[in-house]
Amino acid sequence: MANPLEALLDFLDARIFKQTASADPFRYADVGDRRLLKSVQKRVHETRVRYLGTYATAAEVKVNFVQDLNSKSGQALANDMYLLKLTRFEDVREEFLALCNKNGL
């Protein structure tokens, strides 16, 4: 089994970051939705870089995940992702926190 940090980052990478990065713009008929997807992909990429490159412990990942759920920018991103029917932090919150508990956090 991966260490707690790897387990949390792998979970977020698979469930949120990579899914958003690979979303097909042609899935959306509306040009505005395609533009929104490009913006969302950029912001999610920035979030991914922050998580994978900045946080050195599983505890930091958990704290920042919860903060991102409650921040204005996190909520704005979540709203845009909801409009595009993409998986958001809010959608995986319970699973993520269960994984944290399983890893002693």
N, C-alpha and C. Protein backbone atom coordinates (compact mmCIF):
# COMPACT_ATOMS: atom_id res chain seq x y z
N MET A 1 0.84 -1.20 0.00
CA MET A 1 0.00 0.00 0.00
C MET A 1 0.88 1.25 0.00
N ALA A 2 0.43 2.28 -0.69
CA ALA A 2 1.16 3.54 -0.76
C ALA A 2 1.18 4.22 0.61
N ASN A 3 2.18 5.06 0.81
CA ASN A 3 2.19 5.82 2.06
C ASN A 3 1.01 6.80 2.03
N PRO A 4 0.63 7.34 3.20
CA PRO A 4 -0.57 8.20 3.25
C PRO A 4 -0.53 9.37 2.28
N LEU A 5 0.60 10.02 2.14
CA LEU A 5 0.70 11.16 1.21
C LEU A 5 0.42 10.69 -0.21
N GLU A 6 1.08 9.61 -0.63
CA GLU A 6 0.87 9.09 -1.98
C GLU A 6 -0.57 8.64 -2.19
N ALA A 7 -1.15 8.02 -1.17
CA ALA A 7 -2.52 7.53 -1.29
C ALA A 7 -3.49 8.69 -1.54
N LEU A 8 -3.34 9.78 -0.80
CA LEU A 8 -4.24 10.93 -0.97
C LEU A 8 -4.02 11.61 -2.31
N LEU A 9 -2.76 11.81 -2.68
CA LEU A 9 -2.46 12.47 -3.96
C LEU A 9 -2.90 11.61 -5.14
N ASP A 10 -2.69 10.30 -5.05
CA ASP A 10 -3.13 9.41 -6.13
C ASP A 10 -4.64 9.45 -6.28
N PHE A 11 -5.34 9.48 -5.14
CA PHE A 11 -6.80 9.55 -5.17
C PHE A 11 -7.27 10.82 -5.88
N LEU A 12 -6.73 11.98 -5.47
CA LEU A 12 -7.13 13.25 -6.09
C LEU A 12 -6.74 13.30 -7.56
N ASP A 13 -5.56 12.76 -7.86
CA ASP A 13 -5.10 12.77 -9.24
C ASP A 13 -6.04 11.95 -10.13
N ALA A 14 -6.42 10.79 -9.66
CA ALA A 14 -7.28 9.91 -10.47
C ALA A 14 -8.72 10.40 -10.53
N ARG A 15 -9.24 10.88 -9.42
CA ARG A 15 -10.67 11.21 -9.35
C ARG A 15 -11.00 12.63 -9.83
N ILE A 16 -10.05 13.56 -9.71
CA ILE A 16 -10.34 14.95 -10.06
C ILE A 16 -9.41 15.46 -11.16
N PHE A 17 -8.13 15.51 -10.86
CA PHE A 17 -7.18 16.21 -11.73
C PHE A 17 -7.09 15.63 -13.13
N LYS A 18 -6.85 14.34 -13.25
CA LYS A 18 -6.69 13.73 -14.57
C LYS A 18 -7.99 13.70 -15.35
N GLN A 19 -9.11 13.47 -14.67
CA GLN A 19 -10.41 13.46 -15.35
C GLN A 19 -10.71 14.82 -15.98
N THR A 20 -10.42 15.87 -15.24
CA THR A 20 -10.67 17.22 -15.76
C THR A 20 -9.72 17.54 -16.90
N ALA A 21 -8.46 17.18 -16.74
CA ALA A 21 -7.46 17.46 -17.78
C ALA A 21 -7.81 16.76 -19.09
N SER A 22 -8.40 15.58 -18.99
CA SER A 22 -8.69 14.82 -20.20
C SER A 22 -10.11 15.05 -20.75
N ALA A 23 -10.85 15.95 -20.15
CA ALA A 23 -12.21 16.23 -20.63
C ALA A 23 -12.15 16.76 -22.06
N ASP A 24 -13.00 16.23 -22.89
CA ASP A 24 -13.03 16.58 -24.32
C ASP A 24 -13.89 17.82 -24.54
N PRO A 25 -13.29 18.89 -25.07
CA PRO A 25 -14.07 20.10 -25.31
C PRO A 25 -15.22 19.89 -26.31
N PHE A 26 -15.08 18.92 -27.20
CA PHE A 26 -16.12 18.68 -28.19
C PHE A 26 -17.32 17.95 -27.61
N ARG A 27 -17.22 17.57 -26.34
CA ARG A 27 -18.36 17.01 -25.62
C ARG A 27 -19.42 18.09 -25.38
N TYR A 28 -18.98 19.34 -25.46
CA TYR A 28 -19.86 20.48 -25.20
C TYR A 28 -20.20 21.17 -26.51
N ALA A 29 -21.49 21.27 -26.80
CA ALA A 29 -21.93 21.89 -28.05
C ALA A 29 -21.76 23.40 -28.01
N ASP A 30 -21.93 23.98 -26.83
CA ASP A 30 -21.88 25.43 -26.69
C ASP A 30 -20.43 25.93 -26.62
N VAL A 31 -20.13 26.94 -27.42
CA VAL A 31 -18.79 27.53 -27.43
C VAL A 31 -18.43 28.12 -26.06
N GLY A 32 -19.40 28.67 -25.39
CA GLY A 32 -19.17 29.23 -24.06
C GLY A 32 -18.75 28.15 -23.07
N ASP A 33 -19.36 26.97 -23.18
CA ASP A 33 -18.98 25.86 -22.32
C ASP A 33 -17.56 25.39 -22.63
N ARG A 34 -17.19 25.43 -23.89
CA ARG A 34 -15.82 25.04 -24.27
C ARG A 34 -14.81 26.02 -23.68
N ARG A 35 -15.14 27.30 -23.72
CA ARG A 35 -14.26 28.31 -23.11
C ARG A 35 -14.18 28.10 -21.60
N LEU A 36 -15.33 27.81 -21.00
CA LEU A 36 -15.37 27.57 -19.56
C LEU A 36 -14.52 26.35 -19.23
N LEU A 37 -14.61 25.29 -20.04
CA LEU A 37 -13.80 24.10 -19.81
C LEU A 37 -12.31 24.45 -19.84
N LYS A 38 -11.90 25.25 -20.80
CA LYS A 38 -10.49 25.64 -20.88
C LYS A 38 -10.05 26.37 -19.61
N SER A 39 -10.90 27.26 -19.12
CA SER A 39 -10.61 27.97 -17.88
C SER A 39 -10.54 27.02 -16.69
N VAL A 40 -11.50 26.11 -16.62
CA VAL A 40 -11.54 25.13 -15.53
C VAL A 40 -10.30 24.25 -15.58
N GLN A 41 -9.94 23.79 -16.77
CA GLN A 41 -8.76 22.94 -16.89
C GLN A 41 -7.50 23.66 -16.42
N LYS A 42 -7.38 24.94 -16.74
CA LYS A 42 -6.23 25.72 -16.30
C LYS A 42 -6.20 25.83 -14.77
N ARG A 43 -7.35 26.13 -14.17
CA ARG A 43 -7.40 26.27 -12.71
C ARG A 43 -7.18 24.94 -12.00
N VAL A 44 -7.72 23.86 -12.55
CA VAL A 44 -7.51 22.55 -11.94
C VAL A 44 -6.04 22.14 -12.09
N HIS A 45 -5.44 22.46 -13.21
CA HIS A 45 -4.01 22.17 -13.39
C HIS A 45 -3.19 22.91 -12.33
N GLU A 46 -3.50 24.18 -12.11
CA GLU A 46 -2.80 24.96 -11.09
C GLU A 46 -2.99 24.33 -9.71
N THR A 47 -4.19 23.85 -9.43
CA THR A 47 -4.46 23.18 -8.16
C THR A 47 -3.65 21.90 -8.06
N ARG A 48 -3.60 21.14 -9.14
CA ARG A 48 -2.82 19.89 -9.16
C ARG A 48 -1.36 20.17 -8.88
N VAL A 49 -0.79 21.17 -9.54
CA VAL A 49 0.61 21.53 -9.33
C VAL A 49 0.84 21.90 -7.87
N ARG A 50 -0.10 22.64 -7.30
CA ARG A 50 0.02 23.05 -5.89
C ARG A 50 0.01 21.82 -4.98
N TYR A 51 -0.91 20.91 -5.21
CA TYR A 51 -1.00 19.71 -4.36
C TYR A 51 0.21 18.81 -4.53
N LEU A 52 0.61 18.53 -5.76
CA LEU A 52 1.69 17.59 -6.00
C LEU A 52 3.07 18.19 -5.71
N GLY A 53 3.17 19.51 -5.84
CA GLY A 53 4.48 20.12 -5.70
C GLY A 53 4.74 20.87 -4.41
N THR A 54 3.69 21.18 -3.67
CA THR A 54 3.85 22.03 -2.49
C THR A 54 3.66 21.28 -1.19
N TYR A 55 2.70 20.41 -1.13
CA TYR A 55 2.35 19.78 0.14
C TYR A 55 3.22 18.54 0.37
N ALA A 56 3.94 18.56 1.49
CA ALA A 56 4.93 17.52 1.78
C ALA A 56 4.39 16.40 2.67
N THR A 57 3.23 16.62 3.28
CA THR A 57 2.68 15.61 4.17
C THR A 57 1.21 15.36 3.84
N ALA A 58 0.74 14.19 4.25
CA ALA A 58 -0.68 13.86 4.06
C ALA A 58 -1.56 14.83 4.85
N ALA A 59 -1.10 15.24 6.02
CA ALA A 59 -1.87 16.18 6.84
C ALA A 59 -2.05 17.51 6.10
N GLU A 60 -1.01 17.98 5.41
CA GLU A 60 -1.13 19.22 4.64
C GLU A 60 -2.14 19.07 3.51
N VAL A 61 -2.13 17.92 2.86
CA VAL A 61 -3.09 17.67 1.77
C VAL A 61 -4.50 17.72 2.32
N LYS A 62 -4.74 17.07 3.46
CA LYS A 62 -6.08 17.05 4.04
C LYS A 62 -6.52 18.46 4.43
N VAL A 63 -5.67 19.20 5.11
CA VAL A 63 -6.01 20.57 5.54
C VAL A 63 -6.35 21.43 4.35
N ASN A 64 -5.55 21.36 3.30
CA ASN A 64 -5.78 22.21 2.14
C ASN A 64 -6.98 21.76 1.32
N PHE A 65 -7.26 20.48 1.31
CA PHE A 65 -8.47 19.97 0.66
C PHE A 65 -9.70 20.60 1.32
N VAL A 66 -9.75 20.55 2.65
CA VAL A 66 -10.88 21.13 3.39
C VAL A 66 -10.95 22.64 3.17
N GLN A 67 -9.80 23.30 3.18
CA GLN A 67 -9.79 24.75 2.94
C GLN A 67 -10.29 25.07 1.54
N ASP A 68 -9.87 24.26 0.56
CA ASP A 68 -10.32 24.50 -0.82
C ASP A 68 -11.83 24.31 -0.96
N LEU A 69 -12.40 23.39 -0.20
CA LEU A 69 -13.85 23.21 -0.22
C LEU A 69 -14.58 24.47 0.23
N ASN A 70 -13.98 25.20 1.15
CA ASN A 70 -14.64 26.35 1.78
C ASN A 70 -14.19 27.71 1.25
N SER A 71 -13.16 27.74 0.43
CA SER A 71 -12.66 29.03 -0.06
C SER A 71 -13.55 29.57 -1.18
N LYS A 72 -13.55 30.88 -1.34
CA LYS A 72 -14.36 31.49 -2.41
C LYS A 72 -13.90 31.01 -3.78
N SER A 73 -12.58 30.95 -3.99
CA SER A 73 -12.09 30.51 -5.30
C SER A 73 -12.39 29.03 -5.52
N GLY A 74 -12.31 28.23 -4.46
CA GLY A 74 -12.65 26.82 -4.57
C GLY A 74 -14.12 26.61 -4.89
N GLN A 75 -14.98 27.42 -4.27
CA GLN A 75 -16.41 27.31 -4.53
C GLN A 75 -16.76 27.78 -5.94
N ALA A 76 -16.06 28.81 -6.41
CA ALA A 76 -16.30 29.29 -7.78
C ALA A 76 -15.88 28.21 -8.79
N LEU A 77 -14.74 27.59 -8.54
CA LEU A 77 -14.28 26.51 -9.41
C LEU A 77 -15.26 25.34 -9.37
N ALA A 78 -15.72 24.99 -8.19
CA ALA A 78 -16.68 23.90 -8.04
C ALA A 78 -17.96 24.19 -8.80
N ASN A 79 -18.42 25.43 -8.76
CA ASN A 79 -19.63 25.81 -9.48
C ASN A 79 -19.43 25.62 -10.99
N ASP A 80 -18.29 26.08 -11.50
CA ASP A 80 -18.01 25.93 -12.93
C ASP A 80 -17.90 24.46 -13.31
N MET A 81 -17.28 23.66 -12.47
CA MET A 81 -17.16 22.23 -12.74
C MET A 81 -18.53 21.56 -12.71
N TYR A 82 -19.38 22.00 -11.81
CA TYR A 82 -20.75 21.47 -11.73
C TYR A 82 -21.50 21.75 -13.04
N LEU A 83 -21.37 22.96 -13.55
CA LEU A 83 -22.04 23.33 -14.80
C LEU A 83 -21.58 22.45 -15.96
N LEU A 84 -20.30 22.05 -15.90
CA LEU A 84 -19.73 21.22 -16.97
C LEU A 84 -19.87 19.72 -16.69
N LYS A 85 -20.51 19.40 -15.56
CA LYS A 85 -20.70 18.00 -15.15
C LYS A 85 -19.38 17.25 -14.97
N LEU A 86 -18.41 17.95 -14.35
CA LEU A 86 -17.11 17.36 -14.02
C LEU A 86 -17.08 17.03 -12.52
N THR A 87 -16.31 16.05 -12.15
CA THR A 87 -16.19 15.65 -10.75
C THR A 87 -15.43 16.73 -9.97
N ARG A 88 -16.03 17.12 -8.83
CA ARG A 88 -15.47 18.18 -7.99
C ARG A 88 -15.00 17.61 -6.66
N PHE A 89 -14.24 18.41 -5.91
CA PHE A 89 -13.85 18.01 -4.56
C PHE A 89 -15.08 17.64 -3.75
N GLU A 90 -16.15 18.40 -3.91
CA GLU A 90 -17.39 18.16 -3.16
C GLU A 90 -17.95 16.77 -3.44
N ASP A 91 -17.76 16.29 -4.65
CA ASP A 91 -18.30 14.99 -5.05
C ASP A 91 -17.53 13.82 -4.43
N VAL A 92 -16.28 14.05 -4.07
CA VAL A 92 -15.46 12.97 -3.53
C VAL A 92 -15.10 13.21 -2.06
N ARG A 93 -15.71 14.22 -1.46
CA ARG A 93 -15.38 14.62 -0.09
C ARG A 93 -15.44 13.45 0.89
N GLU A 94 -16.54 12.73 0.90
CA GLU A 94 -16.71 11.64 1.86
C GLU A 94 -15.67 10.53 1.65
N GLU A 95 -15.44 10.17 0.40
CA GLU A 95 -14.43 9.15 0.10
C GLU A 95 -13.04 9.60 0.51
N PHE A 96 -12.74 10.87 0.23
CA PHE A 96 -11.43 11.42 0.57
C PHE A 96 -11.23 11.41 2.08
N LEU A 97 -12.23 11.87 2.83
CA LEU A 97 -12.11 11.90 4.29
C LEU A 97 -12.04 10.48 4.87
N ALA A 98 -12.73 9.54 4.25
CA ALA A 98 -12.63 8.14 4.69
C ALA A 98 -11.22 7.61 4.45
N LEU A 99 -10.63 7.98 3.34
CA LEU A 99 -9.25 7.60 3.04
C LEU A 99 -8.29 8.23 4.04
N CYS A 100 -8.56 9.47 4.41
CA CYS A 100 -7.75 10.14 5.44
C CYS A 100 -7.84 9.35 6.76
N ASN A 101 -9.05 8.99 7.15
CA ASN A 101 -9.25 8.23 8.40
C ASN A 101 -8.52 6.89 8.33
N LYS A 102 -8.62 6.23 7.19
CA LYS A 102 -7.97 4.94 7.01
C LYS A 102 -6.46 5.06 7.16
N ASN A 103 -5.93 6.23 6.81
CA ASN A 103 -4.49 6.48 6.90
C ASN A 103 -4.09 7.20 8.19
N GLY A 104 -5.01 7.23 9.15
CA GLY A 104 -4.67 7.77 10.46
C GLY A 104 -4.66 9.28 10.56
N LEU A 105 -5.37 9.94 9.67
CA LEU A 105 -5.39 11.42 9.70
C LEU A 105 -6.71 11.93 10.24
